């Protein structure tokens, strides 16, 4: 399963890249679905990435997200989610920040998930939940970048 979601954010691309790329481990500060995140001290840095990965507490358990690609100049990165599941065997998310103009940027998130047989049976539900989560994360990112504070939804989570 692979699809892309994007959002336009009314701040310069460099500001968004700082939040997503440079402060990768601080996702808990702005994403409602992640109450806690920290540096993964066991993940190795990739191509000059600020860290090798992060550990996140989520509603489906603890997840290690480890960089597989990182391009500072291109403002792109990919990470794999290290999680045991009966629904999927591999989770990779590719992320890009693009400048639209001096004060506007676009973030594109492209998850790719390899599903097990059970995951294929549950595909509609998995895609629905993943779409909802990614939409919420992108809206939280937009609010955080544009207002320099967490969204009301994050604060209520």
Protein backbone atom coordinates (compact mmCIF):
# COMPACT_ATOMS: atom_id res chain seq x y z
CA UNK A 1 0.00 0.00 0.00
CA UNK A 2 1.44 3.34 -1.05
CA UNK A 3 -0.12 6.79 -1.33
CA UNK A 4 0.79 10.44 -0.83
CA UNK A 5 -0.71 13.26 1.21
CA UNK A 6 0.38 16.88 1.17
CA UNK A 7 -0.43 20.18 2.80
CA UNK A 8 0.41 23.80 2.05
CA UNK A 9 1.90 25.72 4.97
CA UNK A 10 2.12 29.51 5.06
CA UNK A 11 5.71 29.79 6.27
CA UNK A 12 9.07 29.47 4.49
CA UNK A 13 10.20 25.95 3.63
CA UNK A 14 13.29 26.36 5.81
CA UNK A 15 11.13 26.80 8.91
CA UNK A 16 9.14 23.66 8.14
CA UNK A 17 12.35 21.73 7.40
CA UNK A 18 13.73 22.81 10.77
CA UNK A 19 10.67 21.32 12.49
CA UNK A 20 10.56 18.09 10.46
CA UNK A 21 14.21 17.42 9.67
CA UNK A 22 16.38 19.13 12.26
CA UNK A 23 13.99 18.60 15.18
CA UNK A 24 12.86 15.11 14.09
CA UNK A 25 12.85 13.84 17.66
CA UNK A 26 10.56 16.64 18.91
CA UNK A 27 7.44 15.42 17.07
CA UNK A 28 5.69 15.01 20.43
CA UNK A 29 5.69 18.79 20.83
CA UNK A 30 3.20 19.28 18.00
CA UNK A 31 1.62 15.97 16.81
CA UNK A 32 -1.52 14.96 18.73
CA UNK A 33 -0.99 11.24 18.03
CA UNK A 34 2.42 11.20 19.74
CA UNK A 35 2.38 12.03 23.46
CA UNK A 36 6.11 11.35 23.89
CA UNK A 37 9.18 11.04 21.65
CA UNK A 38 12.91 10.96 22.25
CA UNK A 39 16.20 10.24 20.50
CA UNK A 40 16.84 6.59 19.67
CA UNK A 41 20.45 6.23 20.87
CA UNK A 42 20.89 2.94 18.98
CA UNK A 43 19.94 4.20 15.50
CA UNK A 44 22.83 5.30 13.29
CA UNK A 45 22.88 8.69 11.58
CA UNK A 46 22.33 8.71 7.83
CA UNK A 47 24.00 11.16 5.43
CA UNK A 48 24.43 13.94 8.00
CA UNK A 49 21.07 13.51 9.71
CA UNK A 50 20.89 15.23 13.12
CA UNK A 51 20.09 11.86 14.77
CA UNK A 52 19.69 8.28 13.63
CA UNK A 53 16.08 8.02 14.71
CA UNK A 54 13.47 8.53 17.36
CA UNK A 55 11.40 6.46 19.76
CA UNK A 56 7.70 7.36 19.85
CA UNK A 57 4.91 6.41 22.21
CA UNK A 58 1.71 6.03 20.18
CA UNK A 59 -1.78 4.62 20.57
CA UNK A 60 -0.57 1.37 18.95
CA UNK A 61 2.49 1.08 21.17
CA UNK A 62 6.12 2.11 21.14
CA UNK A 63 7.63 2.61 17.69
CA UNK A 64 11.23 3.15 16.65
CA UNK A 65 11.47 5.37 13.56
CA UNK A 66 14.93 5.21 11.98
CA UNK A 67 16.25 7.31 9.10
CA UNK A 68 16.93 5.38 5.89
CA UNK A 69 17.64 8.49 3.78
CA UNK A 70 18.33 12.14 4.59
CA UNK A 71 19.01 15.03 2.18
CA UNK A 72 19.60 18.36 3.91
CA UNK A 73 19.86 20.36 0.67
CA UNK A 74 16.83 18.73 -0.94
CA UNK A 75 14.83 18.88 2.33
CA UNK A 76 13.79 15.23 2.08
CA UNK A 77 14.08 12.20 4.32
CA UNK A 78 12.73 8.70 4.68
CA UNK A 79 12.42 6.58 7.77
CA UNK A 80 11.39 3.05 8.54
CA UNK A 81 9.06 2.20 11.37
CA UNK A 82 10.39 -0.68 13.43
CA UNK A 83 7.29 -2.31 14.88
CA UNK A 84 5.97 -5.84 15.17
CA UNK A 85 2.54 -6.32 13.66
CA UNK A 86 0.37 -9.09 12.25
CA UNK A 87 -0.92 -6.55 9.69
CA UNK A 88 2.29 -5.47 7.95
CA UNK A 89 5.90 -6.47 7.47
CA UNK A 90 7.46 -3.15 6.49
CA UNK A 91 6.62 0.52 6.99
CA UNK A 92 8.61 3.29 5.27
CA UNK A 93 7.63 6.96 5.13
CA UNK A 94 9.20 9.36 2.62
CA UNK A 95 8.83 13.05 3.42
CA UNK A 96 9.59 16.19 1.43
CA UNK A 97 9.44 19.92 2.09
CA UNK A 98 9.16 22.08 -1.03
CA UNK A 99 9.28 25.87 -1.30
CA UNK A 100 6.31 27.26 -3.22
CA UNK A 101 7.49 30.85 -2.76
CA UNK A 102 9.45 32.78 -0.12
CA UNK A 103 6.68 32.46 2.47
CA UNK A 104 4.82 29.30 1.46
CA UNK A 105 5.83 25.66 1.48
CA UNK A 106 4.38 22.25 0.77
CA UNK A 107 4.94 19.08 2.78
CA UNK A 108 4.41 15.73 1.09
CA UNK A 109 4.24 12.49 3.07
CA UNK A 110 4.37 9.19 1.19
CA UNK A 111 3.96 6.08 3.33
CA UNK A 112 4.68 2.67 1.84
CA UNK A 113 3.44 -0.32 3.80
CA UNK A 114 3.93 -3.97 2.93
CA UNK A 115 0.86 -5.82 4.17
CA UNK A 116 0.58 -9.40 5.39
CA UNK A 117 -2.32 -11.58 4.24
CA UNK A 118 -4.32 -10.39 7.24
CA UNK A 119 -3.32 -6.81 6.45
CA UNK A 120 -4.60 -7.20 2.88
CA UNK A 121 -7.93 -8.40 4.23
CA UNK A 122 -8.01 -5.40 6.57
CA UNK A 123 -6.73 -2.98 3.87
CA UNK A 124 -9.77 -0.65 3.79
CA UNK A 125 -9.70 -0.15 7.56
CA UNK A 126 -5.90 0.24 7.68
CA UNK A 127 -5.96 2.84 4.88
CA UNK A 128 -8.84 4.73 6.51
CA UNK A 129 -7.03 4.92 9.87
CA UNK A 130 -3.68 5.79 8.30
CA UNK A 131 -5.28 8.54 6.19
CA UNK A 132 -6.91 9.99 9.31
CA UNK A 133 -3.67 9.92 11.30
CA UNK A 134 -1.58 11.47 8.52
CA UNK A 135 -4.18 14.20 7.94
CA UNK A 136 -4.15 15.03 11.66
CA UNK A 137 -0.34 15.10 11.78
CA UNK A 138 -0.19 17.41 8.75
CA UNK A 139 -2.82 19.75 10.23
CA UNK A 140 -0.93 19.79 13.55
CA UNK A 141 2.32 20.57 11.70
CA UNK A 142 0.66 23.40 9.77
CA UNK A 143 -0.75 24.95 12.94
CA UNK A 144 2.54 24.59 14.82
CA UNK A 145 4.61 26.09 11.98
CA UNK A 146 2.24 28.99 11.38
CA UNK A 147 1.51 29.83 15.04
CA UNK A 148 4.66 28.74 16.91
CA UNK A 149 2.56 26.73 19.35
CA UNK A 150 0.76 23.36 19.39
CA UNK A 151 -2.72 23.09 17.91
CA UNK A 152 -5.76 23.11 20.21
CA UNK A 153 -6.27 19.45 19.23
CA UNK A 154 -2.75 18.57 20.38
CA UNK A 155 -3.28 20.39 23.66
CA UNK A 156 -6.56 18.51 24.20
CA UNK A 157 -5.02 15.10 23.40
